[in-house]
């Protein structure tokens, strides 16, 4: 095996190799390098998109939500909380109120989602407090906190008093029924890094929400945080069976299934598309080996005449392809890691608001991606060397030497 490695390296990059052969070798290495680099930059970006969107969603949303059918309000929810909290999978739970309202600030009006936040238990389920960037997380006595983009779009500042119109409470006027409004003072502005929430979500205290919607001591549902976030669907079904009708559950997986399925398909699609770069580069390796076989016909004949077996000749050329693939893969790993690291640390690329759910381009590197890409690149390089190596091994020594 030692002499096979020596000869394959000598054929690949010998001092007396012609310039065209060297250029072909460099192009083959560069092709593998570019393919591997591209995949090791794109895959961490796709990982980052999936993980950051998931984390940001779960930062303000529960793993599992317990509701009544038709979203009917739930009364006497304390007993329901006790049942939920007895489940071994449950970390914490909290009641909440959910409704759609209209905000008005002078000439600016917008429809948003309003959540009634439970001051006693809400922090155990939601991390919204950690995302306050202006003012304080202070709810109660008709105070409200808003998303950053919502505040910017409606020209709202800390201390402003804005009108909240609820469709659940109306007043008869000569013009007909109109929604009643109440004024709320803005005490905080949050930024969760998800445009959908930053531009369309606001929080008030649960007691204020109950008064606004005239719900009495009832709630919309119960938010539940569990130990294994990927077990949310199974846990929800288990809870439904236990509580029976009229209760139902929803979970973060089903609520965002279309989004995460699309991201997963995009990742697979990008991997397949970028793999073609590596395949094209591997064809360059095959072409390079065919050229070397043609140039080294006499040397192959001499090796066969000296007793080299067919499989020895084949291995000499297979090793050349593996060397090229390995060098390109190693360089691609170094470049891919460096670019991904710099993108993740310095966040050069800003995401356009309203198009994506994140403000900056996230990058999350997984060692499994590096191993998968490296393995595929070397395997493709190996497979596309087999035919030219086989052709070289089929040469008869007398035929190879005769025409030299």
Protein backbone atom coordinates (compact mmCIF):
# COMPACT_ATOMS: atom_id res chain seq x y z
CA UNK A 1 0.00 0.00 0.00
CA UNK A 2 2.91 2.37 0.70
CA UNK A 3 4.18 2.26 -2.87
CA UNK A 4 0.64 2.77 -4.21
CA UNK A 5 0.30 5.94 -2.15
CA UNK A 6 3.74 7.13 -3.29
CA UNK A 7 2.99 6.55 -6.97
CA UNK A 8 -0.51 8.08 -6.80
CA UNK A 9 0.90 11.25 -5.18
CA UNK A 10 3.70 11.36 -7.75
CA UNK A 11 1.24 11.05 -10.65
CA UNK A 12 -0.97 13.73 -9.13
CA UNK A 13 1.63 16.42 -8.43
CA UNK A 14 5.06 15.46 -9.69
CA UNK A 15 7.66 18.09 -10.55
CA UNK A 16 7.75 16.92 -14.12
CA UNK A 17 3.94 17.06 -14.47
CA UNK A 18 2.79 19.33 -17.27
CA UNK A 19 1.16 22.66 -16.45
CA UNK A 20 -2.25 21.63 -17.80
CA UNK A 21 -2.32 18.60 -15.52
CA UNK A 22 -1.53 20.75 -12.48
CA UNK A 23 -4.20 23.29 -13.41
CA UNK A 24 -6.74 20.48 -13.79
CA UNK A 25 -5.82 19.16 -10.35
CA UNK A 26 -6.20 22.63 -8.81
CA UNK A 27 -9.60 23.11 -10.50
CA UNK A 28 -10.77 19.73 -9.19
CA UNK A 29 -9.71 20.60 -5.64
CA UNK A 30 -11.30 24.06 -5.96
CA UNK A 31 -14.60 22.53 -7.10
CA UNK A 32 -14.81 20.24 -4.07
CA UNK A 33 -13.71 23.14 -1.85
CA UNK A 34 -16.46 25.45 -3.13
CA UNK A 35 -19.16 22.79 -2.87
CA UNK A 36 -18.25 21.84 0.69
CA UNK A 37 -17.86 25.48 1.76
CA UNK A 38 -21.25 26.44 0.33
CA UNK A 39 -23.01 23.58 2.10
CA UNK A 40 -21.26 24.27 5.41
CA UNK A 41 -22.39 27.90 5.28
CA UNK A 42 -25.97 27.31 4.15
CA UNK A 43 -26.75 24.41 6.52
CA UNK A 44 -25.78 26.31 9.72
CA UNK A 45 -27.91 29.24 8.51
CA UNK A 46 -30.90 26.91 8.01
CA UNK A 47 -30.24 25.39 11.45
CA UNK A 48 -30.11 28.86 12.95
CA UNK A 49 -33.39 29.86 11.32
CA UNK A 50 -35.15 26.79 12.69
CA UNK A 51 -33.74 27.03 16.20
CA UNK A 52 -34.02 30.80 16.65
CA UNK A 53 -37.58 30.92 15.34
CA UNK A 54 -38.46 28.01 17.64
CA UNK A 55 -36.82 29.62 20.69
CA UNK A 56 -38.40 33.01 20.02
CA UNK A 57 -41.84 31.48 19.55
CA UNK A 58 -41.52 29.46 22.75
CA UNK A 59 -40.27 32.56 24.55
CA UNK A 60 -43.75 34.07 24.37
CA UNK A 61 -45.91 30.99 23.71
CA UNK A 62 -46.63 27.92 25.79
CA UNK A 63 -45.70 24.37 24.83
CA UNK A 64 -49.32 23.22 25.24
CA UNK A 65 -52.54 25.24 25.50
CA UNK A 66 -55.68 23.93 27.20
CA UNK A 67 -58.93 25.41 25.86
CA UNK A 68 -62.64 24.71 25.65
CA UNK A 69 -64.28 23.90 22.35
CA UNK A 70 -65.32 26.99 20.39
CA UNK A 71 -63.00 28.94 22.72
CA UNK A 72 -65.75 29.26 25.29
CA UNK A 73 -64.52 30.94 28.52
CA UNK A 74 -63.44 28.65 31.35
CA UNK A 75 -64.90 29.24 34.82
CA UNK A 76 -63.60 27.79 38.12
CA UNK A 77 -60.19 27.29 36.57
CA UNK A 78 -58.36 26.82 39.88
CA UNK A 79 -59.43 23.17 40.07
CA UNK A 80 -58.32 22.71 36.45
CA UNK A 81 -54.89 24.16 37.26
CA UNK A 82 -54.48 21.65 40.09
CA UNK A 83 -55.26 18.73 37.77
CA UNK A 84 -52.81 19.99 35.15
CA UNK A 85 -50.00 20.61 37.64
CA UNK A 86 -50.28 17.05 38.99
CA UNK A 87 -49.13 15.66 35.65
CA UNK A 88 -45.47 14.49 35.93
CA UNK A 89 -44.52 16.05 32.58
CA UNK A 90 -45.67 19.52 33.61
CA UNK A 91 -43.13 22.12 34.79
CA UNK A 92 -45.60 24.96 35.28
CA UNK A 93 -48.91 26.35 34.07
CA UNK A 94 -50.74 29.67 34.05
CA UNK A 95 -54.19 30.98 33.08
CA UNK A 96 -54.42 33.48 30.23
CA UNK A 97 -56.87 35.52 28.21
CA UNK A 98 -56.64 35.92 24.44
CA UNK A 99 -58.63 38.30 22.27
CA UNK A 100 -58.37 40.53 19.23
CA UNK A 101 -58.76 44.27 19.72
CA UNK A 102 -58.24 47.56 17.92
CA UNK A 103 -55.63 50.04 19.16
CA UNK A 104 -55.90 53.75 18.50
CA UNK A 105 -53.31 56.46 19.03
CA UNK A 106 -54.44 59.71 17.44
CA UNK A 107 -54.43 59.20 13.69
CA UNK A 108 -52.97 55.69 13.92
CA UNK A 109 -55.17 52.59 14.26
CA UNK A 110 -54.27 48.90 14.09
CA UNK A 111 -55.83 45.52 14.86
CA UNK A 112 -53.75 43.33 17.19
CA UNK A 113 -53.81 40.31 19.49
CA UNK A 114 -54.21 41.24 23.16
CA UNK A 115 -53.19 38.82 25.88
CA UNK A 116 -54.28 38.94 29.47
CA UNK A 117 -51.18 38.08 31.51
CA UNK A 118 -51.53 36.41 34.91
CA UNK A 119 -49.30 38.36 37.32
CA UNK A 120 -49.02 35.42 39.73
CA UNK A 121 -48.13 32.50 37.44
CA UNK A 122 -47.44 34.02 34.01
CA UNK A 123 -43.68 34.32 34.49
CA UNK A 124 -43.41 30.55 34.97
CA UNK A 125 -44.60 29.95 31.41
CA UNK A 126 -43.68 33.07 29.40
CA UNK A 127 -40.28 34.79 29.14
CA UNK A 128 -41.74 38.07 27.92
CA UNK A 129 -40.30 39.97 30.91
CA UNK A 130 -36.77 39.29 29.66
CA UNK A 131 -37.52 40.99 26.35
CA UNK A 132 -38.44 44.44 27.68
CA UNK A 133 -36.22 47.04 25.95
CA UNK A 134 -37.93 50.25 27.09
CA UNK A 135 -39.79 51.05 30.28
CA UNK A 136 -40.76 48.27 32.69
CA UNK A 137 -42.90 45.17 32.72
CA UNK A 138 -45.60 46.75 34.83
CA UNK A 139 -49.18 45.55 34.40
CA UNK A 140 -52.39 46.34 36.27
CA UNK A 141 -54.42 49.52 36.78
CA UNK A 142 -54.98 49.85 33.03
CA UNK A 143 -51.38 49.64 31.86
CA UNK A 144 -50.19 47.94 28.67
CA UNK A 145 -46.93 46.76 27.08
CA UNK A 146 -46.45 46.60 23.31
CA UNK A 147 -44.18 45.09 20.70
CA UNK A 148 -41.37 47.28 19.38
CA UNK A 149 -42.56 47.42 15.78
CA UNK A 150 -46.16 48.03 16.82
CA UNK A 151 -45.04 51.00 18.94
CA UNK A 152 -42.91 52.35 16.07
CA UNK A 153 -45.69 51.96 13.50
CA UNK A 154 -48.25 53.74 15.69
CA UNK A 155 -45.83 56.39 17.04
CA UNK A 156 -46.37 55.20 20.62
CA UNK A 157 -43.93 56.04 23.43
CA UNK A 158 -43.58 55.13 27.09
CA UNK A 159 -46.16 57.03 29.14
CA UNK A 160 -48.62 57.53 26.25
CA UNK A 161 -52.27 56.71 26.83
CA UNK A 162 -53.87 54.79 23.99
CA UNK A 163 -57.40 53.58 23.31
CA UNK A 164 -58.24 49.87 23.24
CA UNK A 165 -61.49 48.92 21.46
CA UNK A 166 -62.95 45.53 22.36
CA UNK A 167 -65.44 43.85 19.99
CA UNK A 168 -66.90 41.97 22.97
CA UNK A 169 -68.34 45.10 24.62
CA UNK A 170 -70.50 47.46 22.59
CA UNK A 171 -72.57 50.58 23.17
CA UNK A 172 -75.79 51.54 21.40
CA UNK A 173 -75.57 54.95 19.73
CA UNK A 174 -77.62 56.81 17.11
CA UNK A 175 -75.07 55.44 14.62
CA UNK A 176 -75.70 51.87 15.80
CA UNK A 177 -73.57 49.53 17.91
CA UNK A 178 -69.96 50.60 18.37
CA UNK A 179 -67.20 48.89 20.39
CA UNK A 180 -66.51 50.38 23.79
CA UNK A 181 -63.01 51.67 24.42
CA UNK A 182 -60.80 52.12 27.44
CA UNK A 183 -57.58 54.05 27.80
CA UNK A 184 -54.41 52.22 28.79
CA UNK A 185 -51.07 53.72 29.76
CA UNK A 186 -48.00 52.32 27.97
CA UNK A 187 -45.43 51.18 30.56
CA UNK A 188 -43.16 48.94 28.49
CA UNK A 189 -42.03 47.96 25.00
CA UNK A 190 -40.69 44.49 24.19
CA UNK A 191 -38.61 42.97 21.39
CA UNK A 192 -38.73 39.18 21.07
CA UNK A 193 -36.90 39.12 17.73
CA UNK A 194 -39.98 37.84 15.86
CA UNK A 195 -41.60 40.47 13.65
CA UNK A 196 -45.02 38.82 13.83
CA UNK A 197 -45.10 39.29 17.60
CA UNK A 198 -43.30 42.63 17.69
CA UNK A 199 -45.84 44.15 15.31
CA UNK A 200 -49.10 42.56 16.44
CA UNK A 201 -49.05 41.64 20.13
CA UNK A 202 -49.72 43.50 23.38
CA UNK A 203 -50.12 42.50 27.03
CA UNK A 204 -52.37 43.77 29.81
CA UNK A 205 -53.03 42.25 33.22
CA UNK A 206 -55.51 39.40 33.38
CA UNK A 207 -57.84 41.37 35.64
CA UNK A 208 -57.85 44.29 33.19
CA UNK A 209 -58.56 41.86 30.33
CA UNK A 210 -61.46 40.32 32.25
CA UNK A 211 -62.93 43.78 32.84
CA UNK A 212 -62.38 44.85 29.23
CA UNK A 213 -64.14 41.76 27.90
CA UNK A 214 -66.70 41.59 30.74
CA UNK A 215 -65.69 38.00 31.49
CA UNK A 216 -66.01 38.10 35.26
CA UNK A 217 -63.63 35.56 36.81
CA UNK A 218 -63.36 33.45 33.66
CA UNK A 219 -60.37 32.85 31.38
CA UNK A 220 -59.68 31.81 27.78
CA UNK A 221 -57.40 28.90 28.63
CA UNK A 222 -54.37 27.55 30.46
CA UNK A 223 -50.79 27.74 29.16
CA UNK A 224 -48.65 24.73 30.03
CA UNK A 225 -44.88 24.35 30.04
CA UNK A 226 -43.61 20.74 29.88
CA UNK A 227 -40.21 19.07 30.29
CA UNK A 228 -39.81 17.81 26.72
CA UNK A 229 -40.97 20.37 24.17
CA UNK A 230 -41.04 17.74 21.40
CA UNK A 231 -43.51 15.68 23.44
CA UNK A 232 -46.11 18.47 23.35
CA UNK A 233 -48.47 16.73 20.91
CA UNK A 234 -48.46 13.42 22.82
CA UNK A 235 -48.96 15.17 26.16
CA UNK A 236 -51.84 17.21 24.74
CA UNK A 237 -53.68 14.08 23.59
CA UNK A 238 -53.13 12.47 26.97
CA UNK A 239 -54.57 15.52 28.73
CA UNK A 240 -57.60 15.58 26.41
CA UNK A 241 -58.39 11.96 27.26
CA UNK A 242 -58.12 12.71 30.95
CA UNK A 243 -60.28 15.85 30.98
CA UNK A 244 -62.65 14.78 28.19
CA UNK A 245 -65.22 17.01 26.48
CA UNK A 246 -65.55 20.05 26.39
CA UNK A 247 -61.79 20.50 26.77
CA UNK A 248 -59.28 20.37 23.95
CA UNK A 249 -55.58 21.14 23.58
CA UNK A 250 -53.30 22.75 21.08
CA UNK A 251 -49.51 22.77 20.99
CA UNK A 252 -46.64 24.76 19.55
CA UNK A 253 -45.78 22.01 17.04
CA UNK A 254 -49.20 21.98 15.37
CA UNK A 255 -49.62 25.76 15.56
CA UNK A 256 -46.35 26.24 13.66
CA UNK A 257 -46.24 23.02 11.64
CA UNK A 258 -46.41 24.73 8.23
CA UNK A 259 -43.54 27.06 9.10
CA UNK A 260 -41.19 24.36 10.40
CA UNK A 261 -42.10 21.92 7.60
CA UNK A 262 -41.23 24.61 5.06
CA UNK A 263 -37.91 25.31 6.79
CA UNK A 264 -37.08 21.60 6.85
CA UNK A 265 -37.89 21.20 3.15
CA UNK A 266 -35.79 24.27 2.36
CA UNK A 267 -32.84 22.77 4.21
CA UNK A 268 -33.14 19.47 2.35
CA UNK A 269 -33.59 21.28 -0.97
CA UNK A 270 -30.55 23.48 -0.41
CA UNK A 271 -28.46 20.43 0.52
CA UNK A 272 -29.48 18.62 -2.68
CA UNK A 273 -28.90 21.67 -4.90
CA UNK A 274 -25.50 22.44 -3.41
CA UNK A 275 -24.53 18.78 -3.64
CA UNK A 276 -24.55 19.18 -7.42
CA UNK A 277 -21.58 21.54 -7.08
CA UNK A 278 -19.66 18.69 -5.46
CA UNK A 279 -20.88 16.22 -8.10
CA UNK A 280 -19.71 18.51 -10.92
CA UNK A 281 -16.36 18.88 -9.17
CA UNK A 282 -16.14 15.10 -8.85
CA UNK A 283 -16.65 14.80 -12.62
CA UNK A 284 -13.64 17.10 -12.97
CA UNK A 285 -11.72 14.58 -10.89
CA UNK A 286 -12.83 11.79 -13.24
CA UNK A 287 -11.77 13.85 -16.27
CA UNK A 288 -8.43 14.59 -14.61
CA UNK A 289 -7.85 10.87 -14.00
CA UNK A 290 -8.71 9.99 -17.61
CA UNK A 291 -6.13 12.56 -18.69
CA UNK A 292 -3.51 11.13 -16.31
CA UNK A 293 -4.26 7.61 -17.56
CA UNK A 294 -3.63 8.80 -21.12
CA UNK A 295 -0.42 10.63 -20.17
CA UNK A 296 0.88 7.80 -17.99
CA UNK A 297 0.03 4.92 -20.35
CA UNK A 298 3.70 3.92 -20.72
CA UNK A 299 4.32 4.04 -16.94
CA UNK A 300 1.22 1.92 -16.34
CA UNK A 301 2.52 -0.63 -18.84
CA UNK A 302 5.92 -0.72 -17.12
CA UNK A 303 4.27 -1.23 -13.71
CA UNK A 304 2.19 -4.09 -15.10
CA UNK A 305 5.29 -5.62 -16.72
CA UNK A 306 7.11 -5.42 -13.37
CA UNK A 307 4.36 -7.46 -11.72
CA UNK A 308 1.82 -4.92 -10.51
CA UNK A 309 -1.63 -6.46 -10.36
CA UNK A 310 -4.74 -4.95 -11.90
CA UNK A 311 -6.15 -4.06 -8.48
CA UNK A 312 -2.85 -2.31 -7.61
CA UNK A 313 -3.13 -0.09 -10.70
CA UNK A 314 -6.78 0.57 -9.88
CA UNK A 315 -5.93 1.59 -6.32
CA UNK A 316 -3.22 3.98 -7.52
CA UNK A 317 -5.82 5.99 -9.45
CA UNK A 318 -8.58 5.64 -6.85
CA UNK A 319 -6.20 7.08 -4.25
CA UNK A 320 -5.55 10.08 -6.48
CA UNK A 321 -9.27 10.86 -6.57
CA UNK A 322 -9.55 10.36 -2.81
CA UNK A 323 -6.56 12.69 -2.23
CA UNK A 324 -8.18 15.43 -4.32
CA UNK A 325 -11.55 14.96 -2.60
CA UNK A 326 -9.94 14.90 0.85
CA UNK A 327 -7.88 18.05 0.29
CA UNK A 328 -10.90 19.93 -1.09
CA UNK A 329 -13.07 18.69 1.78
CA UNK A 330 -10.58 19.73 4.49
CA UNK A 331 -10.14 23.18 2.97
CA UNK A 332 -13.93 23.48 2.58
CA UNK A 333 -14.44 22.54 6.24
CA UNK A 334 -11.97 25.21 7.35
CA UNK A 335 -13.54 27.88 5.13
CA UNK A 336 -17.11 26.85 5.99
CA UNK A 337 -16.41 26.91 9.72
CA UNK A 338 -14.64 30.28 9.51
CA UNK A 339 -17.40 31.96 7.47
CA UNK A 340 -20.18 30.51 9.65
CA UNK A 341 -18.37 31.54 12.82
CA UNK A 342 -17.89 35.11 11.60
CA UNK A 343 -21.51 35.36 10.40
CA UNK A 344 -22.77 34.11 13.75
CA UNK A 345 -20.52 36.29 15.89
CA UNK A 346 -20.67 39.62 14.07
CA UNK A 347 -24.14 39.29 12.43
CA UNK A 348 -23.20 41.15 9.25
CA UNK A 349 -26.50 40.34 7.53
CA UNK A 350 -29.74 41.98 8.69
CA UNK A 351 -33.06 40.32 7.83
CA UNK A 352 -35.71 42.52 6.17
CA UNK A 353 -38.58 43.32 8.53
CA UNK A 354 -41.94 41.85 7.64
CA UNK A 355 -40.42 39.21 5.35
CA UNK A 356 -38.74 36.94 7.88
CA UNK A 357 -39.58 36.31 11.52
CA UNK A 358 -36.11 37.32 12.71
CA UNK A 359 -34.17 40.58 12.71
CA UNK A 360 -30.69 39.14 12.07
CA UNK A 361 -29.35 36.13 10.19
CA UNK A 362 -28.80 33.34 12.75
CA UNK A 363 -26.09 30.69 12.44
CA UNK A 364 -25.98 27.42 14.39
CA UNK A 365 -23.23 24.92 13.54
CA UNK A 366 -23.80 21.21 14.19
CA UNK A 367 -20.96 18.70 14.05
CA UNK A 368 -23.36 16.24 12.37
CA UNK A 369 -23.62 18.59 9.36
CA UNK A 370 -19.83 18.76 9.02
CA UNK A 371 -19.56 14.97 9.20
CA UNK A 372 -22.41 14.45 6.71
CA UNK A 373 -21.09 16.95 4.17
CA UNK A 374 -17.50 15.69 4.48
CA UNK A 375 -18.58 12.07 4.13
CA UNK A 376 -20.72 12.81 1.07
CA UNK A 377 -17.95 14.82 -0.63
CA UNK A 378 -15.33 12.11 -0.15
CA UNK A 379 -17.80 9.35 -1.13
CA UNK A 380 -18.78 11.16 -4.34
CA UNK A 381 -15.10 11.71 -5.15
CA UNK A 382 -14.41 8.02 -4.56
CA UNK A 383 -17.31 6.77 -6.69
CA UNK A 384 -16.42 8.92 -9.69
CA UNK A 385 -12.81 7.69 -9.67
CA UNK A 386 -13.81 4.05 -10.04
CA UNK A 387 -14.42 4.03 -13.80
CA UNK A 388 -11.19 5.78 -14.90
CA UNK A 389 -9.27 3.67 -12.38
CA UNK A 390 -10.92 0.54 -13.78
CA UNK A 391 -9.97 1.56 -17.34
CA UNK A 392 -6.36 2.02 -16.23
CA UNK A 393 -6.30 -1.40 -14.57
CA UNK A 394 -7.57 -3.09 -17.76
CA UNK A 395 -4.48 -2.03 -19.76
CA UNK A 396 -2.32 -4.90 -20.93
CA UNK A 397 1.42 -4.21 -20.41
CA UNK A 398 2.44 -5.07 -23.97
CA UNK A 399 -0.28 -2.88 -25.47
CA UNK A 400 0.56 0.04 -23.15
CA UNK A 401 4.27 -0.05 -24.05
CA UNK A 402 3.92 -0.87 -27.77
CA UNK A 403 2.70 2.58 -28.83
CA UNK A 404 5.24 4.58 -26.84
